[in-house]
Amino acid sequence: RDVLSVPGATGASVIICSDDLTSVLELEKLLFQICPGVPIHYRKRSRTGHQQDEFNSQSLERRRELTLEFLADVEVMRRSLVCLCTFSSNIGRLVAVLRTQTLGSWEVPTISLDHAWTNV
């Protein structure tokens, strides 16, 4: 609820970028309870983490699709009004750095749900 009260969040949607569909569904259920009516979007397919061997075994076209999907997710997180992530994840830390470099300061909220981290 606090995130949706950030200035500029009126009419905002929640976009969940994750490779753990079970966690996404749990978060969606919680959000429906505390923020009814807020649109929630996510990729509706089951994945668990990135397995390099599995990725390498895909066709070139499929690897290209997955790479573009990943880049699109990073861009959505980079441009978000508020980004909730985990700094234990390389992706969370990458997005935090990109948000700082492109949005100008640490004042745009990038909040880790686990570890503290700074890019110093």
C-alpha atoms as a PDB file:
ATOM      1  CA  ARG A   1       0.000   0.000   0.000  1.00  0.00           C
ATOM      2  CA  ASP A   2       2.821   2.424   0.856  1.00  0.00           C
ATOM      3  CA  VAL A   3       4.366   1.926  -2.578  1.00  0.00           C
ATOM      4  CA  LEU A   4       1.108   2.861  -4.284  1.00  0.00           C
ATOM      5  CA  SER A   5       0.995   6.116  -2.280  1.00  0.00           C
ATOM      6  CA  VAL A   6       4.244   7.374  -3.854  1.00  0.00           C
ATOM      7  CA  PRO A   7       3.665  10.635  -5.775  1.00  0.00           C
ATOM      8  CA  GLY A   8       2.814   9.804  -9.378  1.00  0.00           C
ATOM      9  CA  ALA A   9       1.454   6.339  -8.560  1.00  0.00           C
ATOM     10  CA  THR A  10      -2.176   7.271  -9.198  1.00  0.00           C
ATOM     11  CA  GLY A  11      -3.566   4.769 -11.662  1.00  0.00           C
ATOM     12  CA  ALA A  12      -0.379   2.705 -11.460  1.00  0.00           C
ATOM     13  CA  SER A  13      -0.144  -0.990 -12.211  1.00  0.00           C
ATOM     14  CA  VAL A  14       1.980  -3.566 -10.455  1.00  0.00           C
ATOM     15  CA  ILE A  15       4.289  -5.464 -12.773  1.00  0.00           C
ATOM     16  CA  ILE A  16       6.001  -8.510 -11.329  1.00  0.00           C
ATOM     17  CA  CYS A  17       9.213  -9.691 -12.991  1.00  0.00           C
ATOM     18  CA  SER A  18      10.323 -13.016 -11.549  1.00  0.00           C
ATOM     19  CA  ASP A  19      11.544 -16.429 -12.565  1.00  0.00           C
ATOM     20  CA  ASP A  20       9.554 -18.092  -9.766  1.00  0.00           C
ATOM     21  CA  LEU A  21       5.885 -18.404 -10.726  1.00  0.00           C
ATOM     22  CA  THR A  22       4.929 -19.820  -7.314  1.00  0.00           C
ATOM     23  CA  SER A  23       6.206 -16.676  -5.584  1.00  0.00           C
ATOM     24  CA  VAL A  24       4.484 -14.500  -8.169  1.00  0.00           C
ATOM     25  CA  LEU A  25       1.138 -16.175  -7.515  1.00  0.00           C
ATOM     26  CA  GLU A  26       1.584 -15.761  -3.753  1.00  0.00           C
ATOM     27  CA  LEU A  27       2.406 -12.065  -4.195  1.00  0.00           C
ATOM     28  CA  GLU A  28      -0.550 -11.596  -6.540  1.00  0.00           C
ATOM     29  CA  LYS A  29      -2.898 -13.108  -3.953  1.00  0.00           C
ATOM     30  CA  LEU A  30      -1.518 -10.793  -1.245  1.00  0.00           C
ATOM     31  CA  LEU A  31      -1.771  -7.731  -3.491  1.00  0.00           C
ATOM     32  CA  PHE A  32      -5.397  -8.536  -4.333  1.00  0.00           C
ATOM     33  CA  GLN A  33      -6.123  -8.478  -0.596  1.00  0.00           C
ATOM     34  CA  ILE A  34      -4.294  -5.262   0.330  1.00  0.00           C
ATOM     35  CA  CYS A  35      -4.722  -3.316  -2.930  1.00  0.00           C
ATOM     36  CA  PRO A  36      -7.960  -4.478  -4.530  1.00  0.00           C
ATOM     37  CA  GLY A  37      -8.505  -3.108  -7.998  1.00  0.00           C
ATOM     38  CA  VAL A  38      -4.841  -2.439  -8.764  1.00  0.00           C
ATOM     39  CA  PRO A  39      -3.945  -4.107 -12.089  1.00  0.00           C
ATOM     40  CA  ILE A  40      -1.259  -6.792 -11.715  1.00  0.00           C
ATOM     41  CA  HIS A  41       0.778  -8.065 -14.662  1.00  0.00           C
ATOM     42  CA  TYR A  42       3.387 -10.836 -14.972  1.00  0.00           C
ATOM     43  CA  ARG A  43       4.588 -13.516 -17.371  1.00  0.00           C
ATOM     44  CA  LYS A  44       2.296 -16.489 -16.907  1.00  0.00           C
ATOM     45  CA  ARG A  45       4.724 -19.341 -17.360  1.00  0.00           C
ATOM     46  CA  SER A  46       6.626 -21.557 -15.051  1.00  0.00           C
ATOM     47  CA  ARG A  47      10.363 -21.036 -14.696  1.00  0.00           C
ATOM     48  CA  THR A  48      12.710 -21.516 -11.813  1.00  0.00           C
ATOM     49  CA  GLY A  49      15.913 -19.575 -12.052  1.00  0.00           C
ATOM     50  CA  HIS A  50      18.363 -19.420 -14.901  1.00  0.00           C
ATOM     51  CA  GLN A  51      20.071 -22.666 -15.810  1.00  0.00           C
ATOM     52  CA  GLN A  52      22.894 -21.917 -18.244  1.00  0.00           C
ATOM     53  CA  ASP A  53      23.100 -25.483 -19.621  1.00  0.00           C
ATOM     54  CA  GLU A  54      19.361 -25.482 -20.305  1.00  0.00           C
ATOM     55  CA  PHE A  55      19.573 -22.069 -21.972  1.00  0.00           C
ATOM     56  CA  ASN A  56      22.532 -23.169 -24.125  1.00  0.00           C
ATOM     57  CA  SER A  57      20.639 -26.235 -25.330  1.00  0.00           C
ATOM     58  CA  GLN A  58      17.818 -24.097 -26.784  1.00  0.00           C
ATOM     59  CA  SER A  59      17.710 -23.164 -30.456  1.00  0.00           C
ATOM     60  CA  LEU A  60      19.321 -19.897 -31.472  1.00  0.00           C
ATOM     61  CA  GLU A  61      15.882 -18.392 -32.095  1.00  0.00           C
ATOM     62  CA  ARG A  62      14.617 -19.437 -28.647  1.00  0.00           C
ATOM     63  CA  ARG A  63      17.746 -18.036 -26.940  1.00  0.00           C
ATOM     64  CA  ARG A  64      17.180 -14.797 -28.821  1.00  0.00           C
ATOM     65  CA  GLU A  65      13.540 -14.669 -27.644  1.00  0.00           C
ATOM     66  CA  LEU A  66      14.543 -15.337 -24.021  1.00  0.00           C
ATOM     67  CA  THR A  67      17.278 -12.682 -24.181  1.00  0.00           C
ATOM     68  CA  LEU A  68      14.880 -10.065 -25.552  1.00  0.00           C
ATOM     69  CA  GLU A  69      12.341 -11.006 -22.873  1.00  0.00           C
ATOM     70  CA  PHE A  70      15.004 -10.579 -20.198  1.00  0.00           C
ATOM     71  CA  LEU A  71      16.043  -7.180 -21.579  1.00  0.00           C
ATOM     72  CA  ALA A  72      12.393  -6.079 -21.687  1.00  0.00           C
ATOM     73  CA  ASP A  73      11.957  -7.084 -18.030  1.00  0.00           C
ATOM     74  CA  VAL A  74      15.088  -5.157 -17.040  1.00  0.00           C
ATOM     75  CA  GLU A  75      13.807  -2.095 -18.897  1.00  0.00           C
ATOM     76  CA  VAL A  76      10.403  -2.303 -17.176  1.00  0.00           C
ATOM     77  CA  MET A  77      12.135  -2.476 -13.795  1.00  0.00           C
ATOM     78  CA  ARG A  78      14.534   0.347 -14.712  1.00  0.00           C
ATOM     79  CA  ARG A  79      11.699   2.686 -15.688  1.00  0.00           C
ATOM     80  CA  SER A  80       9.360   1.791 -12.836  1.00  0.00           C
ATOM     81  CA  LEU A  81       8.200   4.432 -10.396  1.00  0.00           C
ATOM     82  CA  VAL A  82       9.258   2.152  -7.523  1.00  0.00           C
ATOM     83  CA  CYS A  83      11.267  -1.036  -7.845  1.00  0.00           C
ATOM     84  CA  LEU A  84      10.992  -3.791  -5.237  1.00  0.00           C
ATOM     85  CA  CYS A  85      13.663  -6.381  -5.819  1.00  0.00           C
ATOM     86  CA  THR A  86      16.213  -8.538  -4.070  1.00  0.00           C
ATOM     87  CA  PHE A  87      19.807  -7.375  -3.918  1.00  0.00           C
ATOM     88  CA  SER A  88      20.875 -10.990  -3.435  1.00  0.00           C
ATOM     89  CA  SER A  89      20.034 -11.255  -7.139  1.00  0.00           C
ATOM     90  CA  ASN A  90      22.443 -10.060  -9.807  1.00  0.00           C
ATOM     91  CA  ILE A  91      19.415  -8.734 -11.692  1.00  0.00           C
ATOM     92  CA  GLY A  92      18.236  -6.694  -8.705  1.00  0.00           C
ATOM     93  CA  ARG A  93      21.652  -5.117  -8.340  1.00  0.00           C
ATOM     94  CA  LEU A  94      21.903  -4.454 -12.102  1.00  0.00           C
ATOM     95  CA  VAL A  95      18.524  -2.719 -12.095  1.00  0.00           C
ATOM     96  CA  ALA A  96      19.505  -0.635  -9.044  1.00  0.00           C
ATOM     97  CA  VAL A  97      22.637   0.591 -10.840  1.00  0.00           C
ATOM     98  CA  LEU A  98      20.743   1.298 -14.077  1.00  0.00           C
ATOM     99  CA  ARG A  99      18.038   3.203 -12.198  1.00  0.00           C
ATOM    100  CA  THR A 100      20.640   5.327 -10.418  1.00  0.00           C
ATOM    101  CA  GLN A 101      22.533   6.101 -13.626  1.00  0.00           C
ATOM    102  CA  THR A 102      19.502   6.885 -15.772  1.00  0.00           C
ATOM    103  CA  LEU A 103      17.105   8.413 -13.241  1.00  0.00           C
ATOM    104  CA  GLY A 104      19.747  10.496 -11.551  1.00  0.00           C
ATOM    105  CA  SER A 105      19.735   9.625  -7.878  1.00  0.00           C
ATOM    106  CA  TRP A 106      18.992   7.104  -5.165  1.00  0.00           C
ATOM    107  CA  GLU A 107      15.849   9.126  -4.454  1.00  0.00           C
ATOM    108  CA  VAL A 108      13.824   6.996  -6.868  1.00  0.00           C
ATOM    109  CA  PRO A 109      12.885   4.123  -4.604  1.00  0.00           C
ATOM    110  CA  THR A 110      14.675   0.853  -5.284  1.00  0.00           C
ATOM    111  CA  ILE A 111      13.906  -1.330  -2.302  1.00  0.00           C
ATOM    112  CA  SER A 112      15.481  -4.676  -1.566  1.00  0.00           C
ATOM    113  CA  LEU A 113      13.350  -7.325   0.074  1.00  0.00           C
ATOM    114  CA  ASP A 114      16.444  -9.027   1.450  1.00  0.00           C
ATOM    115  CA  HIS A 115      20.033  -7.722   1.638  1.00  0.00           C
ATOM    116  CA  ALA A 116      21.293  -4.183   1.877  1.00  0.00           C
ATOM    117  CA  TRP A 117      23.693  -3.243  -0.924  1.00  0.00           C
ATOM    118  CA  THR A 118      25.361  -0.130  -2.270  1.00  0.00           C
ATOM    119  CA  ASN A 119      27.238   0.492  -5.474  1.00  0.00           C
ATOM    120  CA  VAL A 120      30.358   2.031  -3.962  1.00  0.00           C
END
